[in-house]
Amino acid sequence: PDSFLIGISILLLFTFTGCKNNSLSSSKPNIIFILADDMSYYD
């Protein structure tokens, strides 16, 4: 779905543009992506 692709694009944009410090930019980002089937917002 287009909304999924847009969400992943925004996540990657914030991940790679958030580190401006040289000591942080050389390390890999720490990302945990949780995909749960049939889970609502308030679960």
All heavy atoms as atom14 arrays in JSON, in Angstrom:
{
  "sequence": "PDSFLIGISILLLFTFTGCKNNSLSSSKPNIIFILADDMSYYD",
  "atom14_mask": [
    [1, 1, 1, 1, 1, 1, 1, 0, 0, 0, 0, 0, 0, 0],
    [1, 1, 1, 1, 1, 1, 1, 1, 0, 0, 0, 0, 0, 0],
    [1, 1, 1, 1, 1, 1, 0, 0, 0, 0, 0, 0, 0, 0],
    [1, 1, 1, 1, 1, 1, 1, 1, 1, 1, 1, 0, 0, 0],
    [1, 1, 1, 1, 1, 1, 1, 1, 0, 0, 0, 0, 0, 0],
    [1, 1, 1, 1, 1, 1, 1, 1, 0, 0, 0, 0, 0, 0],
    [1, 1, 1, 1, 0, 0, 0, 0, 0, 0, 0, 0, 0, 0],
    [1, 1, 1, 1, 1, 1, 1, 1, 0, 0, 0, 0, 0, 0],
    [1, 1, 1, 1, 1, 1, 0, 0, 0, 0, 0, 0, 0, 0],
    [1, 1, 1, 1, 1, 1, 1, 1, 0, 0, 0, 0, 0, 0],
    [1, 1, 1, 1, 1, 1, 1, 1, 0, 0, 0, 0, 0, 0],
    [1, 1, 1, 1, 1, 1, 1, 1, 0, 0, 0, 0, 0, 0],
    [1, 1, 1, 1, 1, 1, 1, 1, 0, 0, 0, 0, 0, 0],
    [1, 1, 1, 1, 1, 1, 1, 1, 1, 1, 1, 0, 0, 0],
    [1, 1, 1, 1, 1, 1, 1, 0, 0, 0, 0, 0, 0, 0],
    [1, 1, 1, 1, 1, 1, 1, 1, 1, 1, 1, 0, 0, 0],
    [1, 1, 1, 1, 1, 1, 1, 0, 0, 0, 0, 0, 0, 0],
    [1, 1, 1, 1, 0, 0, 0, 0, 0, 0, 0, 0, 0, 0],
    [1, 1, 1, 1, 1, 1, 0, 0, 0, 0, 0, 0, 0, 0],
    [1, 1, 1, 1, 1, 1, 1, 1, 1, 0, 0, 0, 0, 0],
    [1, 1, 1, 1, 1, 1, 1, 1, 0, 0, 0, 0, 0, 0],
    [1, 1, 1, 1, 1, 1, 1, 1, 0, 0, 0, 0, 0, 0],
    [1, 1, 1, 1, 1, 1, 0, 0, 0, 0, 0, 0, 0, 0],
    [1, 1, 1, 1, 1, 1, 1, 1, 0, 0, 0, 0, 0, 0],
    [1, 1, 1, 1, 1, 1, 0, 0, 0, 0, 0, 0, 0, 0],
    [1, 1, 1, 1, 1, 1, 0, 0, 0, 0, 0, 0, 0, 0],
    [1, 1, 1, 1, 1, 1, 0, 0, 0, 0, 0, 0, 0, 0],
    [1, 1, 1, 1, 1, 1, 1, 1, 1, 0, 0, 0, 0, 0],
    [1, 1, 1, 1, 1, 1, 1, 0, 0, 0, 0, 0, 0, 0],
    [1, 1, 1, 1, 1, 1, 1, 1, 0, 0, 0, 0, 0, 0],
    [1, 1, 1, 1, 1, 1, 1, 1, 0, 0, 0, 0, 0, 0],
    [1, 1, 1, 1, 1, 1, 1, 1, 0, 0, 0, 0, 0, 0],
    [1, 1, 1, 1, 1, 1, 1, 1, 1, 1, 1, 0, 0, 0],
    [1, 1, 1, 1, 1, 1, 1, 1, 0, 0, 0, 0, 0, 0],
    [1, 1, 1, 1, 1, 1, 1, 1, 0, 0, 0, 0, 0, 0],
    [1, 1, 1, 1, 1, 0, 0, 0, 0, 0, 0, 0, 0, 0],
    [1, 1, 1, 1, 1, 1, 1, 1, 0, 0, 0, 0, 0, 0],
    [1, 1, 1, 1, 1, 1, 1, 1, 0, 0, 0, 0, 0, 0],
    [1, 1, 1, 1, 1, 1, 1, 1, 0, 0, 0, 0, 0, 0],
    [1, 1, 1, 1, 1, 1, 0, 0, 0, 0, 0, 0, 0, 0],
    [1, 1, 1, 1, 1, 1, 1, 1, 1, 1, 1, 1, 0, 0],
    [1, 1, 1, 1, 1, 1, 1, 1, 1, 1, 1, 1, 0, 0],
    [1, 1, 1, 1, 1, 1, 1, 1, 0, 0, 0, 0, 0, 0]
  ],
  "atom14_positions": [
    [[0.83, -1.21, 0.0], [0.0, 0.0, 0.0], [0.87, 1.26, 0.0], [1.96, 1.28, 0.55], [-0.79, -0.1, 1.3], [-0.54, -1.44, 1.86], [0.63, -2.03, 1.17], [0.0, 0.0, 0.0], [0.0, 0.0, 0.0], [0.0, 0.0, 0.0], [0.0, 0.0, 0.0], [0.0, 0.0, 0.0], [0.0, 0.0, 0.0], [0.0, 0.0, 0.0]],
    [[0.36, 2.29, -0.63], [1.1, 3.56, -0.72], [1.37, 4.15, 0.66], [2.44, 4.73, 0.88], [0.33, 4.57, -1.57], [0.31, 4.15, -3.04], [1.21, 3.39, -3.45], [-0.6, 4.59, -3.75], [0.0, 0.0, 0.0], [0.0, 0.0, 0.0], [0.0, 0.0, 0.0], [0.0, 0.0, 0.0], [0.0, 0.0, 0.0], [0.0, 0.0, 0.0]],
    [[0.42, 4.02, 1.6], [0.63, 4.6, 2.94], [1.79, 3.9, 3.65], [2.54, 4.54, 4.4], [-0.64, 4.49, 3.76], [-1.03, 3.13, 3.9], [0.0, 0.0, 0.0], [0.0, 0.0, 0.0], [0.0, 0.0, 0.0], [0.0, 0.0, 0.0], [0.0, 0.0, 0.0], [0.0, 0.0, 0.0], [0.0, 0.0, 0.0], [0.0, 0.0, 0.0]],
    [[1.96, 2.6, 3.43], [3.08, 1.88, 4.03], [4.41, 2.38, 3.47], [5.35, 2.63, 4.22], [2.92, 0.38, 3.77], [4.05, -0.45, 4.31], [4.12, -0.72, 5.66], [5.03, -0.95, 3.47], [5.16, -1.48, 6.16], [6.06, -1.71, 3.96], [6.13, -1.98, 5.32], [0.0, 0.0, 0.0], [0.0, 0.0, 0.0], [0.0, 0.0, 0.0]],
    [[4.47, 2.57, 2.16], [5.7, 3.04, 1.54], [6.04, 4.47, 1.98], [7.19, 4.8, 2.21], [5.58, 2.97, 0.02], [5.45, 1.55, -0.55], [5.21, 1.6, -2.04], [6.68, 0.74, -0.23], [0.0, 0.0, 0.0], [0.0, 0.0, 0.0], [0.0, 0.0, 0.0], [0.0, 0.0, 0.0], [0.0, 0.0, 0.0], [0.0, 0.0, 0.0]],
    [[5.02, 5.31, 2.14], [5.23, 6.68, 2.6], [5.74, 6.65, 4.04], [6.67, 7.38, 4.39], [3.94, 7.51, 2.47], [3.62, 7.74, 0.99], [4.07, 8.83, 3.22], [2.26, 8.34, 0.75], [0.0, 0.0, 0.0], [0.0, 0.0, 0.0], [0.0, 0.0, 0.0], [0.0, 0.0, 0.0], [0.0, 0.0, 0.0], [0.0, 0.0, 0.0]],
    [[5.16, 5.81, 4.89], [5.6, 5.7, 6.28], [7.04, 5.25, 6.4], [7.82, 5.81, 7.18], [0.0, 0.0, 0.0], [0.0, 0.0, 0.0], [0.0, 0.0, 0.0], [0.0, 0.0, 0.0], [0.0, 0.0, 0.0], [0.0, 0.0, 0.0], [0.0, 0.0, 0.0], [0.0, 0.0, 0.0], [0.0, 0.0, 0.0], [0.0, 0.0, 0.0]],
    [[7.43, 4.25, 5.63], [8.82, 3.77, 5.65], [9.76, 4.86, 5.14], [10.84, 5.07, 5.68], [8.95, 2.49, 4.81], [8.19, 1.34, 5.47], [10.41, 2.11, 4.62], [8.69, 0.96, 6.84], [0.0, 0.0, 0.0], [0.0, 0.0, 0.0], [0.0, 0.0, 0.0], [0.0, 0.0, 0.0], [0.0, 0.0, 0.0], [0.0, 0.0, 0.0]],
    [[9.34, 5.59, 4.11], [10.18, 6.67, 3.58], [10.41, 7.76, 4.62], [11.52, 8.27, 4.77], [9.53, 7.27, 2.33], [9.38, 6.31, 1.34], [0.0, 0.0, 0.0], [0.0, 0.0, 0.0], [0.0, 0.0, 0.0], [0.0, 0.0, 0.0], [0.0, 0.0, 0.0], [0.0, 0.0, 0.0], [0.0, 0.0, 0.0], [0.0, 0.0, 0.0]],
    [[9.36, 8.13, 5.35], [9.49, 9.16, 6.39], [10.39, 8.65, 7.51], [11.25, 9.4, 8.01], [8.1, 9.57, 6.92], [7.34, 10.34, 5.83], [8.22, 10.39, 8.2], [5.91, 10.62, 6.17], [0.0, 0.0, 0.0], [0.0, 0.0, 0.0], [0.0, 0.0, 0.0], [0.0, 0.0, 0.0], [0.0, 0.0, 0.0], [0.0, 0.0, 0.0]],
    [[10.23, 7.39, 7.9], [11.08, 6.82, 8.93], [12.54, 6.86, 8.54], [13.4, 7.27, 9.31], [10.65, 5.38, 9.22], [11.48, 4.63, 10.25], [11.28, 5.23, 11.62], [11.11, 3.16, 10.24], [0.0, 0.0, 0.0], [0.0, 0.0, 0.0], [0.0, 0.0, 0.0], [0.0, 0.0, 0.0], [0.0, 0.0, 0.0], [0.0, 0.0, 0.0]],
    [[12.85, 6.47, 7.32], [14.24, 6.49, 6.85], [14.76, 7.92, 6.74], [15.93, 8.18, 7.04], [14.35, 5.77, 5.51], [14.14, 4.26, 5.56], [14.14, 3.67, 4.16], [15.19, 3.6, 6.42], [0.0, 0.0, 0.0], [0.0, 0.0, 0.0], [0.0, 0.0, 0.0], [0.0, 0.0, 0.0], [0.0, 0.0, 0.0], [0.0, 0.0, 0.0]],
    [[13.92, 8.85, 6.32], [14.33, 10.24, 6.22], [14.75, 10.79, 7.58], [15.81, 11.39, 7.73], [13.2, 11.08, 5.63], [13.45, 12.59, 5.57], [14.48, 12.89, 4.5], [12.16, 13.32, 5.29], [0.0, 0.0, 0.0], [0.0, 0.0, 0.0], [0.0, 0.0, 0.0], [0.0, 0.0, 0.0], [0.0, 0.0, 0.0], [0.0, 0.0, 0.0]],
    [[13.92, 10.56, 8.61], [14.24, 11.04, 9.95], [15.45, 10.32, 10.53], [16.22, 10.89, 11.28], [13.04, 10.9, 10.89], [12.0, 11.96, 10.68], [10.72, 11.62, 10.35], [12.32, 13.29, 10.82], [9.76, 12.59, 10.16], [11.37, 14.28, 10.64], [10.09, 13.92, 10.3], [0.0, 0.0, 0.0], [0.0, 0.0, 0.0], [0.0, 0.0, 0.0]],
    [[15.61, 9.06, 10.2], [16.73, 8.28, 10.73], [18.06, 8.8, 10.22], [19.0, 8.99, 10.98], [16.58, 6.79, 10.36], [15.36, 6.32, 10.91], [17.73, 5.98, 10.9], [0.0, 0.0, 0.0], [0.0, 0.0, 0.0], [0.0, 0.0, 0.0], [0.0, 0.0, 0.0], [0.0, 0.0, 0.0], [0.0, 0.0, 0.0], [0.0, 0.0, 0.0]],
    [[18.16, 9.05, 8.93], [19.44, 9.4, 8.35], [19.73, 10.9, 8.35], [20.85, 11.31, 8.14], [19.55, 8.85, 6.93], [19.59, 7.34, 6.92], [18.59, 6.61, 6.33], [20.63, 6.66, 7.53], [18.62, 5.23, 6.34], [20.67, 5.29, 7.54], [19.67, 4.57, 6.95], [0.0, 0.0, 0.0], [0.0, 0.0, 0.0], [0.0, 0.0, 0.0]],
    [[18.74, 11.75, 8.6], [18.99, 13.18, 8.67], [19.11, 13.67, 10.1], [19.48, 14.81, 10.33], [17.88, 13.99, 7.96], [16.64, 13.69, 8.58], [17.84, 13.67, 6.49], [0.0, 0.0, 0.0], [0.0, 0.0, 0.0], [0.0, 0.0, 0.0], [0.0, 0.0, 0.0], [0.0, 0.0, 0.0], [0.0, 0.0, 0.0], [0.0, 0.0, 0.0]],
    [[18.8, 12.84, 11.08], [18.83, 13.25, 12.49], [20.22, 13.31, 13.08], [20.45, 13.99, 14.07], [0.0, 0.0, 0.0], [0.0, 0.0, 0.0], [0.0, 0.0, 0.0], [0.0, 0.0, 0.0], [0.0, 0.0, 0.0], [0.0, 0.0, 0.0], [0.0, 0.0, 0.0], [0.0, 0.0, 0.0], [0.0, 0.0, 0.0], [0.0, 0.0, 0.0]],
    [[21.19, 12.6, 12.53], [22.54, 12.54, 13.09], [23.45, 13.5, 12.35], [23.94, 13.19, 11.27], [23.09, 11.12, 13.0], [22.15, 9.94, 13.95], [0.0, 0.0, 0.0], [0.0, 0.0, 0.0], [0.0, 0.0, 0.0], [0.0, 0.0, 0.0], [0.0, 0.0, 0.0], [0.0, 0.0, 0.0], [0.0, 0.0, 0.0], [0.0, 0.0, 0.0]],
    [[23.71, 14.66, 12.94], [24.61, 15.63, 12.32], [26.0, 15.6, 12.95], [26.94, 16.1, 12.39], [24.02, 17.05, 12.43], [22.74, 17.21, 11.67], [22.95, 17.08, 10.18], [21.66, 17.31, 9.45], [21.73, 17.0, 8.06], [0.0, 0.0, 0.0], [0.0, 0.0, 0.0], [0.0, 0.0, 0.0], [0.0, 0.0, 0.0], [0.0, 0.0, 0.0]],
    [[26.11, 15.03, 14.15], [27.38, 14.96, 14.85], [28.27, 13.91, 14.17], [27.83, 12.82, 13.86], [27.13, 14.59, 16.31], [28.37, 14.73, 17.15], [29.46, 14.9, 16.64], [28.19, 14.64, 18.46], [0.0, 0.0, 0.0], [0.0, 0.0, 0.0], [0.0, 0.0, 0.0], [0.0, 0.0, 0.0], [0.0, 0.0, 0.0], [0.0, 0.0, 0.0]],
    [[29.55, 14.23, 13.94], [30.44, 13.3, 13.25], [30.63, 12.01, 14.01], [30.78, 10.95, 13.41], [31.8, 13.96, 13.0], [31.74, 15.01, 11.93], [30.83, 14.99, 11.12], [32.68, 15.94, 11.94], [0.0, 0.0, 0.0], [0.0, 0.0, 0.0], [0.0, 0.0, 0.0], [0.0, 0.0, 0.0], [0.0, 0.0, 0.0], [0.0, 0.0, 0.0]],
    [[30.64, 12.05, 15.34], [30.81, 10.82, 16.11], [29.59, 9.92, 16.0], [29.7, 8.72, 16.07], [31.1, 11.14, 17.57], [29.99, 11.78, 18.15], [0.0, 0.0, 0.0], [0.0, 0.0, 0.0], [0.0, 0.0, 0.0], [0.0, 0.0, 0.0], [0.0, 0.0, 0.0], [0.0, 0.0, 0.0], [0.0, 0.0, 0.0], [0.0, 0.0, 0.0]],
    [[28.41, 10.51, 15.83], [27.2, 9.7, 15.69], [26.95, 9.25, 14.27], [26.36, 8.21, 14.04], [25.99, 10.5, 16.18], [25.93, 10.82, 17.67], [24.71, 11.68, 17.96], [25.88, 9.55, 18.48], [0.0, 0.0, 0.0], [0.0, 0.0, 0.0], [0.0, 0.0, 0.0], [0.0, 0.0, 0.0], [0.0, 0.0, 0.0], [0.0, 0.0, 0.0]],
    [[27.4, 10.02, 13.29], [27.09, 9.68, 11.91], [27.87, 8.47, 11.43], [27.5, 7.84, 10.46], [27.34, 10.88, 10.99], [28.72, 11.22, 11.03], [0.0, 0.0, 0.0], [0.0, 0.0, 0.0], [0.0, 0.0, 0.0], [0.0, 0.0, 0.0], [0.0, 0.0, 0.0], [0.0, 0.0, 0.0], [0.0, 0.0, 0.0], [0.0, 0.0, 0.0]],
    [[28.98, 8.11, 12.1], [29.75, 6.95, 11.69], [29.14, 5.65, 12.22], [29.46, 4.58, 11.73], [31.19, 7.07, 12.15], [31.24, 7.11, 13.56], [0.0, 0.0, 0.0], [0.0, 0.0, 0.0], [0.0, 0.0, 0.0], [0.0, 0.0, 0.0], [0.0, 0.0, 0.0], [0.0, 0.0, 0.0], [0.0, 0.0, 0.0], [0.0, 0.0, 0.0]],
    [[28.26, 5.73, 13.23], [27.64, 4.52, 13.75], [26.32, 4.25, 13.03], [25.7, 5.14, 12.47], [27.37, 4.68, 15.25], [26.43, 5.7, 15.48], [0.0, 0.0, 0.0], [0.0, 0.0, 0.0], [0.0, 0.0, 0.0], [0.0, 0.0, 0.0], [0.0, 0.0, 0.0], [0.0, 0.0, 0.0], [0.0, 0.0, 0.0], [0.0, 0.0, 0.0]],
    [[25.93, 3.0, 13.06], [24.68, 2.62, 12.41], [23.49, 3.02, 13.28], [23.59, 3.01, 14.51], [24.67, 1.11, 12.16], [25.72, 0.68, 11.17], [25.64, -0.81, 10.93], [26.71, -1.21, 9.94], [26.69, -2.65, 9.68], [0.0, 0.0, 0.0], [0.0, 0.0, 0.0], [0.0, 0.0, 0.0], [0.0, 0.0, 0.0], [0.0, 0.0, 0.0]],
    [[22.33, 3.34, 12.68], [21.16, 3.73, 13.47], [20.57, 2.52, 14.2], [20.69, 1.39, 13.76], [20.19, 4.27, 12.43], [20.6, 3.63, 11.16], [22.09, 3.43, 11.25], [0.0, 0.0, 0.0], [0.0, 0.0, 0.0], [0.0, 0.0, 0.0], [0.0, 0.0, 0.0], [0.0, 0.0, 0.0], [0.0, 0.0, 0.0], [0.0, 0.0, 0.0]],
    [[19.96, 2.79, 15.33], [19.31, 1.77, 16.14], [17.81, 1.83, 15.86], [17.13, 2.75, 16.32], [19.56, 2.07, 17.61], [20.13, 0.9, 18.35], [20.21, -0.18, 17.81], [20.53, 1.14, 19.58], [0.0, 0.0, 0.0], [0.0, 0.0, 0.0], [0.0, 0.0, 0.0], [0.0, 0.0, 0.0], [0.0, 0.0, 0.0], [0.0, 0.0, 0.0]],
    [[17.27, 0.89, 15.11], [15.85, 0.9, 14.73], [15.22, -0.41, 15.15], [15.75, -1.48, 14.86], [15.68, 1.1, 13.22], [16.25, 2.44, 12.78], [14.21, 0.99, 12.83], [16.24, 2.64, 11.29], [0.0, 0.0, 0.0], [0.0, 0.0, 0.0], [0.0, 0.0, 0.0], [0.0, 0.0, 0.0], [0.0, 0.0, 0.0], [0.0, 0.0, 0.0]],
    [[14.08, -0.31, 15.82], [13.27, -1.49, 16.12], [11.93, -1.27, 15.44], [11.21, -0.32, 15.75], [13.07, -1.68, 17.63], [14.41, -1.9, 18.31], [12.13, -2.84, 17.9], [14.33, -1.96, 19.81], [0.0, 0.0, 0.0], [0.0, 0.0, 0.0], [0.0, 0.0, 0.0], [0.0, 0.0, 0.0], [0.0, 0.0, 0.0], [0.0, 0.0, 0.0]],
    [[11.6, -2.15, 14.5], [10.34, -2.05, 13.76], [9.47, -3.21, 14.21], [9.82, -4.36, 14.01], [10.61, -2.11, 12.26], [9.36, -1.98, 11.43], [8.73, -0.77, 11.28], [8.83, -3.1, 10.8], [7.59, -0.65, 10.51], [7.7, -2.98, 10.03], [7.08, -1.77, 9.89], [0.0, 0.0, 0.0], [0.0, 0.0, 0.0], [0.0, 0.0, 0.0]],
    [[8.35, -2.91, 14.86], [7.44, -3.94, 15.35], [6.22, -3.97, 14.43], [5.5, -2.98, 14.33], [7.02, -3.67, 16.81], [8.25, -3.67, 17.71], [6.01, -4.71, 17.27], [7.96, -3.26, 19.13], [0.0, 0.0, 0.0], [0.0, 0.0, 0.0], [0.0, 0.0, 0.0], [0.0, 0.0, 0.0], [0.0, 0.0, 0.0], [0.0, 0.0, 0.0]],
    [[6.0, -5.1, 13.8], [4.83, -5.29, 12.94], [3.94, -6.33, 13.6], [4.35, -7.47, 13.8], [5.26, -5.75, 11.55], [4.14, -6.05, 10.57], [3.36, -4.78, 10.27], [4.69, -6.65, 9.31], [0.0, 0.0, 0.0], [0.0, 0.0, 0.0], [0.0, 0.0, 0.0], [0.0, 0.0, 0.0], [0.0, 0.0, 0.0], [0.0, 0.0, 0.0]],
    [[2.75, -5.92, 14.0], [1.84, -6.83, 14.69], [0.57, -6.97, 13.86], [0.0, -5.97, 13.41], [1.51, -6.3, 16.06], [0.0, 0.0, 0.0], [0.0, 0.0, 0.0], [0.0, 0.0, 0.0], [0.0, 0.0, 0.0], [0.0, 0.0, 0.0], [0.0, 0.0, 0.0], [0.0, 0.0, 0.0], [0.0, 0.0, 0.0], [0.0, 0.0, 0.0]],
    [[0.14, -8.19, 13.68], [-1.06, -8.47, 12.9], [-2.28, -8.38, 13.82], [-2.27, -8.91, 14.92], [-0.95, -9.86, 12.29], [-2.12, -10.19, 11.39], [-2.67, -9.26, 10.77], [-2.49, -11.37, 11.3], [0.0, 0.0, 0.0], [0.0, 0.0, 0.0], [0.0, 0.0, 0.0], [0.0, 0.0, 0.0], [0.0, 0.0, 0.0], [0.0, 0.0, 0.0]],
    [[-3.31, -7.71, 13.37], [-4.6, -7.61, 14.06], [-4.46, -6.97, 15.45], [-5.05, -7.4, 16.41], [-5.25, -8.99, 14.17], [-6.73, -8.89, 14.48], [-7.34, -7.89, 14.08], [-7.27, -9.8, 15.14], [0.0, 0.0, 0.0], [0.0, 0.0, 0.0], [0.0, 0.0, 0.0], [0.0, 0.0, 0.0], [0.0, 0.0, 0.0], [0.0, 0.0, 0.0]],
    [[-3.65, -5.92, 15.53], [-3.49, -5.19, 16.78], [-4.0, -3.77, 16.57], [-3.62, -3.11, 15.62], [-2.02, -5.15, 17.18], [-1.75, -4.51, 18.5], [-0.01, -4.67, 18.92], [0.37, -2.97, 19.22], [0.0, 0.0, 0.0], [0.0, 0.0, 0.0], [0.0, 0.0, 0.0], [0.0, 0.0, 0.0], [0.0, 0.0, 0.0], [0.0, 0.0, 0.0]],
    [[-4.87, -3.34, 17.46], [-5.38, -1.98, 17.32], [-4.47, -1.0, 18.06], [-3.53, -1.4, 18.76], [-6.81, -1.88, 17.84], [-6.82, -1.97, 19.25], [0.0, 0.0, 0.0], [0.0, 0.0, 0.0], [0.0, 0.0, 0.0], [0.0, 0.0, 0.0], [0.0, 0.0, 0.0], [0.0, 0.0, 0.0], [0.0, 0.0, 0.0], [0.0, 0.0, 0.0]],
    [[-4.75, 0.27, 17.94], [-3.92, 1.33, 18.51], [-3.87, 1.25, 20.04], [-2.85, 1.51, 20.65], [-4.45, 2.69, 18.06], [-3.57, 3.85, 18.41], [-2.44, 4.13, 17.66], [-3.85, 4.65, 19.5], [-1.61, 5.19, 17.99], [-3.03, 5.71, 19.83], [-1.92, 5.98, 19.07], [-1.1, 7.03, 19.4], [0.0, 0.0, 0.0], [0.0, 0.0, 0.0]],
    [[-4.95, 0.87, 20.67], [-5.03, 0.88, 22.13], [-4.81, -0.5, 22.75], [-5.25, -0.76, 23.87], [-6.37, 1.45, 22.59], [-6.52, 2.9, 22.2], [-7.34, 3.28, 21.16], [-5.79, 3.88, 22.86], [-7.45, 4.61, 20.78], [-5.9, 5.22, 22.49], [-6.74, 5.57, 21.46], [-6.83, 6.88, 21.1], [0.0, 0.0, 0.0], [0.0, 0.0, 0.0]],
    [[-4.12, -1.4, 22.09], [-3.82, -2.73, 22.64], [-2.55, -2.75, 23.47], [-2.15, -3.81, 23.96], [-3.72, -3.77, 21.52], [-5.08, -4.2, 21.01], [-6.08, -3.91, 21.69], [-5.13, -4.83, 19.95], [0.0, 0.0, 0.0], [0.0, 0.0, 0.0], [0.0, 0.0, 0.0], [0.0, 0.0, 0.0], [0.0, 0.0, 0.0], [0.0, 0.0, 0.0]]
  ]
}
